[in-house]
Amino acid sequence: MKYSEFYKLIEAHGWTIKKGKKHYKYVHPNYKYPITAGRYQSKEIPDGTLAKMMKDAGLK
């Protein structure tokens, strides 16, 4: 999955973006911690990183 696809997926589940300097930070009103993702639009997300971000977002 590419970063741009992941961004669309979590935004569809209610996560909103707070921009950082080098990373995007997504926050959700029902979750305590933000999800941090690099600003790589067309780059593929490594499998382990994707699994961790999906778990943190409550999607897996």
PDB file of N, CA and C in Angstrom:
ATOM      1  N   MET A   1       0.854  -1.169   0.000  1.00  0.00           N
ATOM      2  CA  MET A   1       0.000   0.000   0.000  1.00  0.00           C
ATOM      3  C   MET A   1       0.904   1.237   0.000  1.00  0.00           C
ATOM      4  N   LYS A   2       0.515   2.229  -0.752  1.00  0.00           N
ATOM      5  CA  LYS A   2       1.269   3.478  -0.796  1.00  0.00           C
ATOM      6  C   LYS A   2       0.807   4.398   0.333  1.00  0.00           C
ATOM      7  N   TYR A   3       1.663   5.326   0.686  1.00  0.00           N
ATOM      8  CA  TYR A   3       1.321   6.270   1.740  1.00  0.00           C
ATOM      9  C   TYR A   3       0.056   7.048   1.396  1.00  0.00           C
ATOM     10  N   SER A   4      -0.094   7.462   0.146  1.00  0.00           N
ATOM     11  CA  SER A   4      -1.278   8.242  -0.242  1.00  0.00           C
ATOM     12  C   SER A   4      -2.559   7.429  -0.055  1.00  0.00           C
ATOM     13  N   GLU A   5      -2.509   6.127  -0.320  1.00  0.00           N
ATOM     14  CA  GLU A   5      -3.674   5.259  -0.117  1.00  0.00           C
ATOM     15  C   GLU A   5      -3.980   5.118   1.372  1.00  0.00           C
ATOM     16  N   PHE A   6      -2.940   5.002   2.186  1.00  0.00           N
ATOM     17  CA  PHE A   6      -3.125   4.898   3.635  1.00  0.00           C
ATOM     18  C   PHE A   6      -3.759   6.168   4.196  1.00  0.00           C
ATOM     19  N   TYR A   7      -3.296   7.330   3.718  1.00  0.00           N
ATOM     20  CA  TYR A   7      -3.868   8.597   4.180  1.00  0.00           C
ATOM     21  C   TYR A   7      -5.363   8.663   3.885  1.00  0.00           C
ATOM     22  N   LYS A   8      -5.764   8.265   2.691  1.00  0.00           N
ATOM     23  CA  LYS A   8      -7.183   8.278   2.319  1.00  0.00           C
ATOM     24  C   LYS A   8      -7.985   7.322   3.193  1.00  0.00           C
ATOM     25  N   LEU A   9      -7.408   6.159   3.503  1.00  0.00           N
ATOM     26  CA  LEU A   9      -8.091   5.152   4.310  1.00  0.00           C
ATOM     27  C   LEU A   9      -8.366   5.663   5.723  1.00  0.00           C
ATOM     28  N   ILE A  10      -7.349   6.197   6.381  1.00  0.00           N
ATOM     29  CA  ILE A  10      -7.578   6.625   7.761  1.00  0.00           C
ATOM     30  C   ILE A  10      -8.408   7.910   7.833  1.00  0.00           C
ATOM     31  N   GLU A  11      -8.312   8.761   6.827  1.00  0.00           N
ATOM     32  CA  GLU A  11      -9.169   9.950   6.813  1.00  0.00           C
ATOM     33  C   GLU A  11     -10.634   9.559   6.661  1.00  0.00           C
ATOM     34  N   ALA A  12     -10.903   8.478   5.951  1.00  0.00           N
ATOM     35  CA  ALA A  12     -12.276   7.986   5.801  1.00  0.00           C
ATOM     36  C   ALA A  12     -12.816   7.422   7.112  1.00  0.00           C
ATOM     37  N   HIS A  13     -11.926   7.059   8.044  1.00  0.00           N
ATOM     38  CA  HIS A  13     -12.335   6.518   9.335  1.00  0.00           C
ATOM     39  C   HIS A  13     -12.294   7.561  10.451  1.00  0.00           C
ATOM     40  N   GLY A  14     -12.266   8.838  10.088  1.00  0.00           N
ATOM     41  CA  GLY A  14     -12.404   9.895  11.077  1.00  0.00           C
ATOM     42  C   GLY A  14     -11.119  10.511  11.595  1.00  0.00           C
ATOM     43  N   TRP A  15      -9.975  10.102  11.096  1.00  0.00           N
ATOM     44  CA  TRP A  15      -8.707  10.689  11.520  1.00  0.00           C
ATOM     45  C   TRP A  15      -8.509  12.009  10.795  1.00  0.00           C
ATOM     46  N   THR A  16      -8.025  13.018  11.510  1.00  0.00           N
ATOM     47  CA  THR A  16      -7.753  14.317  10.902  1.00  0.00           C
ATOM     48  C   THR A  16      -6.262  14.607  10.984  1.00  0.00           C
ATOM     49  N   ILE A  17      -5.775  15.371  10.031  1.00  0.00           N
ATOM     50  CA  ILE A  17      -4.345  15.612   9.922  1.00  0.00           C
ATOM     51  C   ILE A  17      -3.933  16.857  10.696  1.00  0.00           C
ATOM     52  N   LYS A  18      -2.825  16.720  11.381  1.00  0.00           N
ATOM     53  CA  LYS A  18      -2.124  17.854  11.977  1.00  0.00           C
ATOM     54  C   LYS A  18      -0.730  17.788  11.398  1.00  0.00           C
ATOM     55  N   LYS A  19      -0.355  18.792  10.665  1.00  0.00           N
ATOM     56  CA  LYS A  19       0.925  18.739   9.966  1.00  0.00           C
ATOM     57  C   LYS A  19       2.081  19.020  10.911  1.00  0.00           C
ATOM     58  N   GLY A  20       3.113  18.211  10.759  1.00  0.00           N
ATOM     59  CA  GLY A  20       4.361  18.446  11.456  1.00  0.00           C
ATOM     60  C   GLY A  20       5.381  18.968  10.457  1.00  0.00           C
ATOM     61  N   LYS A  21       6.631  19.012  10.853  1.00  0.00           N
ATOM     62  CA  LYS A  21       7.663  19.498   9.945  1.00  0.00           C
ATOM     63  C   LYS A  21       8.034  18.452   8.901  1.00  0.00           C
ATOM     64  N   LYS A  22       8.337  17.238   9.348  1.00  0.00           N
ATOM     65  CA  LYS A  22       8.779  16.205   8.419  1.00  0.00           C
ATOM     66  C   LYS A  22       7.802  15.040   8.311  1.00  0.00           C
ATOM     67  N   HIS A  23       6.800  15.008   9.172  1.00  0.00           N
ATOM     68  CA  HIS A  23       5.836  13.912   9.176  1.00  0.00           C
ATOM     69  C   HIS A  23       4.426  14.474   9.294  1.00  0.00           C
ATOM     70  N   TYR A  24       3.459  13.677   8.874  1.00  0.00           N
ATOM     71  CA  TYR A  24       2.055  13.992   9.121  1.00  0.00           C
ATOM     72  C   TYR A  24       1.673  13.350  10.443  1.00  0.00           C
ATOM     73  N   LYS A  25       0.906  14.042  11.240  1.00  0.00           N
ATOM     74  CA  LYS A  25       0.369  13.483  12.474  1.00  0.00           C
ATOM     75  C   LYS A  25      -1.141  13.480  12.345  1.00  0.00           C
ATOM     76  N   TYR A  26      -1.725  12.311  12.467  1.00  0.00           N
ATOM     77  CA  TYR A  26      -3.173  12.164  12.406  1.00  0.00           C
ATOM     78  C   TYR A  26      -3.700  11.951  13.814  1.00  0.00           C
ATOM     79  N   VAL A  27      -4.766  12.658  14.156  1.00  0.00           N
ATOM     80  CA  VAL A  27      -5.386  12.532  15.469  1.00  0.00           C
ATOM     81  C   VAL A  27      -6.846  12.126  15.295  1.00  0.00           C
ATOM     82  N   HIS A  28      -7.355  11.458  16.317  1.00  0.00           N
ATOM     83  CA  HIS A  28      -8.746  10.994  16.314  1.00  0.00           C
ATOM     84  C   HIS A  28      -9.317  11.294  17.696  1.00  0.00           C
ATOM     85  N   PRO A  29     -10.553  11.752  17.781  1.00  0.00           N
ATOM     86  CA  PRO A  29     -11.120  12.101  19.087  1.00  0.00           C
ATOM     87  C   PRO A  29     -11.277  10.909  20.036  1.00  0.00           C
ATOM     88  N   ASN A  30     -11.345   9.687  19.516  1.00  0.00           N
ATOM     89  CA  ASN A  30     -11.542   8.518  20.370  1.00  0.00           C
ATOM     90  C   ASN A  30     -10.253   7.799  20.736  1.00  0.00           C
ATOM     91  N   TYR A  31      -9.121   8.236  20.210  1.00  0.00           N
ATOM     92  CA  TYR A  31      -7.846   7.582  20.482  1.00  0.00           C
ATOM     93  C   TYR A  31      -6.910   8.560  21.172  1.00  0.00           C
ATOM     94  N   LYS A  32      -6.133   8.049  22.113  1.00  0.00           N
ATOM     95  CA  LYS A  32      -5.275   8.899  22.924  1.00  0.00           C
ATOM     96  C   LYS A  32      -4.041   9.385  22.168  1.00  0.00           C
ATOM     97  N   TYR A  33      -3.438   8.512  21.366  1.00  0.00           N
ATOM     98  CA  TYR A  33      -2.178   8.835  20.709  1.00  0.00           C
ATOM     99  C   TYR A  33      -2.365   9.075  19.213  1.00  0.00           C
ATOM    100  N   PRO A  34      -1.561   9.965  18.644  1.00  0.00           N
ATOM    101  CA  PRO A  34      -1.648  10.208  17.197  1.00  0.00           C
ATOM    102  C   PRO A  34      -0.918   9.134  16.403  1.00  0.00           C
ATOM    103  N   ILE A  35      -1.219   9.060  15.128  1.00  0.00           N
ATOM    104  CA  ILE A  35      -0.482   8.214  14.193  1.00  0.00           C
ATOM    105  C   ILE A  35       0.470   9.130  13.445  1.00  0.00           C
ATOM    106  N   THR A  36       1.724   8.751  13.394  1.00  0.00           N
ATOM    107  CA  THR A  36       2.724   9.543  12.687  1.00  0.00           C
ATOM    108  C   THR A  36       3.134   8.799  11.435  1.00  0.00           C
ATOM    109  N   ALA A  37       3.121   9.485  10.306  1.00  0.00           N
ATOM    110  CA  ALA A  37       3.502   8.875   9.028  1.00  0.00           C
ATOM    111  C   ALA A  37       4.342   9.871   8.237  1.00  0.00           C
ATOM    112  N   GLY A  38       5.323   9.354   7.533  1.00  0.00           N
ATOM    113  CA  GLY A  38       6.192  10.203   6.723  1.00  0.00           C
ATOM    114  C   GLY A  38       5.439  10.839   5.567  1.00  0.00           C
ATOM    115  N   ARG A  39       6.021  11.855   5.001  1.00  0.00           N
ATOM    116  CA  ARG A  39       5.397  12.578   3.887  1.00  0.00           C
ATOM    117  C   ARG A  39       5.839  12.003   2.553  1.00  0.00           C
ATOM    118  N   TYR A  40       5.634  10.733   2.356  1.00  0.00           N
ATOM    119  CA  TYR A  40       5.978  10.079   1.095  1.00  0.00           C
ATOM    120  C   TYR A  40       4.675   9.716   0.408  1.00  0.00           C
ATOM    121  N   GLN A  41       4.306  10.415  -0.624  1.00  0.00           N
ATOM    122  CA  GLN A  41       3.019  10.174  -1.269  1.00  0.00           C
ATOM    123  C   GLN A  41       3.011   8.896  -2.099  1.00  0.00           C
ATOM    124  N   SER A  42       4.003   8.727  -2.964  1.00  0.00           N
ATOM    125  CA  SER A  42       3.961   7.613  -3.915  1.00  0.00           C
ATOM    126  C   SER A  42       4.813   6.431  -3.482  1.00  0.00           C
ATOM    127  N   LYS A  43       5.433   6.503  -2.333  1.00  0.00           N
ATOM    128  CA  LYS A  43       6.309   5.442  -1.863  1.00  0.00           C
ATOM    129  C   LYS A  43       5.493   4.345  -1.175  1.00  0.00           C
ATOM    130  N   GLU A  44       5.930   3.100  -1.326  1.00  0.00           N
ATOM    131  CA  GLU A  44       5.273   1.970  -0.670  1.00  0.00           C
ATOM    132  C   GLU A  44       5.623   1.953   0.821  1.00  0.00           C
ATOM    133  N   ILE A  45       4.657   1.594   1.648  1.00  0.00           N
ATOM    134  CA  ILE A  45       4.892   1.478   3.085  1.00  0.00           C
ATOM    135  C   ILE A  45       5.434   0.075   3.355  1.00  0.00           C
ATOM    136  N   PRO A  46       6.550  -0.055   4.090  1.00  0.00           N
ATOM    137  CA  PRO A  46       7.043  -1.384   4.448  1.00  0.00           C
ATOM    138  C   PRO A  46       5.981  -2.156   5.237  1.00  0.00           C
ATOM    139  N   ASP A  47       5.970  -3.480   5.083  1.00  0.00           N
ATOM    140  CA  ASP A  47       4.919  -4.314   5.682  1.00  0.00           C
ATOM    141  C   ASP A  47       4.804  -4.144   7.195  1.00  0.00           C
ATOM    142  N   GLY A  48       5.918  -4.152   7.904  1.00  0.00           N
ATOM    143  CA  GLY A  48       5.885  -4.009   9.357  1.00  0.00           C
ATOM    144  C   GLY A  48       5.362  -2.651   9.794  1.00  0.00           C
ATOM    145  N   THR A  49       5.756  -1.620   9.088  1.00  0.00           N
ATOM    146  CA  THR A  49       5.301  -0.264   9.386  1.00  0.00           C
ATOM    147  C   THR A  49       3.807  -0.132   9.133  1.00  0.00           C
ATOM    148  N   LEU A  50       3.353  -0.702   8.036  1.00  0.00           N
ATOM    149  CA  LEU A  50       1.925  -0.661   7.711  1.00  0.00           C
ATOM    150  C   LEU A  50       1.106  -1.389   8.768  1.00  0.00           C
ATOM    151  N   ALA A  51       1.568  -2.563   9.194  1.00  0.00           N
ATOM    152  CA  ALA A  51       0.844  -3.331  10.208  1.00  0.00           C
ATOM    153  C   ALA A  51       0.737  -2.540  11.513  1.00  0.00           C
ATOM    154  N   LYS A  52       1.810  -1.880  11.917  1.00  0.00           N
ATOM    155  CA  LYS A  52       1.809  -1.091  13.150  1.00  0.00           C
ATOM    156  C   LYS A  52       0.871   0.109  13.041  1.00  0.00           C
ATOM    157  N   MET A  53       0.907   0.808  11.907  1.00  0.00           N
ATOM    158  CA  MET A  53       0.037   1.974  11.740  1.00  0.00           C
ATOM    159  C   MET A  53      -1.428   1.556  11.663  1.00  0.00           C
ATOM    160  N   MET A  54      -1.725   0.434  11.021  1.00  0.00           N
ATOM    161  CA  MET A  54      -3.110  -0.058  10.955  1.00  0.00           C
ATOM    162  C   MET A  54      -3.602  -0.443  12.348  1.00  0.00           C
ATOM    163  N   LYS A  55      -2.738  -1.084  13.132  1.00  0.00           N
ATOM    164  CA  LYS A  55      -3.099  -1.475  14.491  1.00  0.00           C
ATOM    165  C   LYS A  55      -3.351  -0.233  15.351  1.00  0.00           C
ATOM    166  N   ASP A  56      -2.476   0.761  15.232  1.00  0.00           N
ATOM    167  CA  ASP A  56      -2.641   1.999  15.996  1.00  0.00           C
ATOM    168  C   ASP A  56      -3.921   2.738  15.615  1.00  0.00           C
ATOM    169  N   ALA A  57      -4.332   2.616  14.355  1.00  0.00           N
ATOM    170  CA  ALA A  57      -5.543   3.287  13.884  1.00  0.00           C
ATOM    171  C   ALA A  57      -6.808   2.502  14.226  1.00  0.00           C
ATOM    172  N   GLY A  58      -6.646   1.297  14.769  1.00  0.00           N
ATOM    173  CA  GLY A  58      -7.803   0.475  15.112  1.00  0.00           C
ATOM    174  C   GLY A  58      -8.444  -0.182  13.909  1.00  0.00           C
ATOM    175  N   LEU A  59      -7.684  -0.368  12.833  1.00  0.00           N
ATOM    176  CA  LEU A  59      -8.216  -0.958  11.610  1.00  0.00           C
ATOM    177  C   LEU A  59      -7.818  -2.416  11.440  1.00  0.00           C
ATOM    178  N   LYS A  60      -7.007  -2.942  12.331  1.00  0.00           N
ATOM    179  CA  LYS A  60      -6.585  -4.336  12.220  1.00  0.00           C
ATOM    180  C   LYS A  60      -6.545  -4.987  13.565  1.00  0.00           C
TER     181      LYS A  60
END
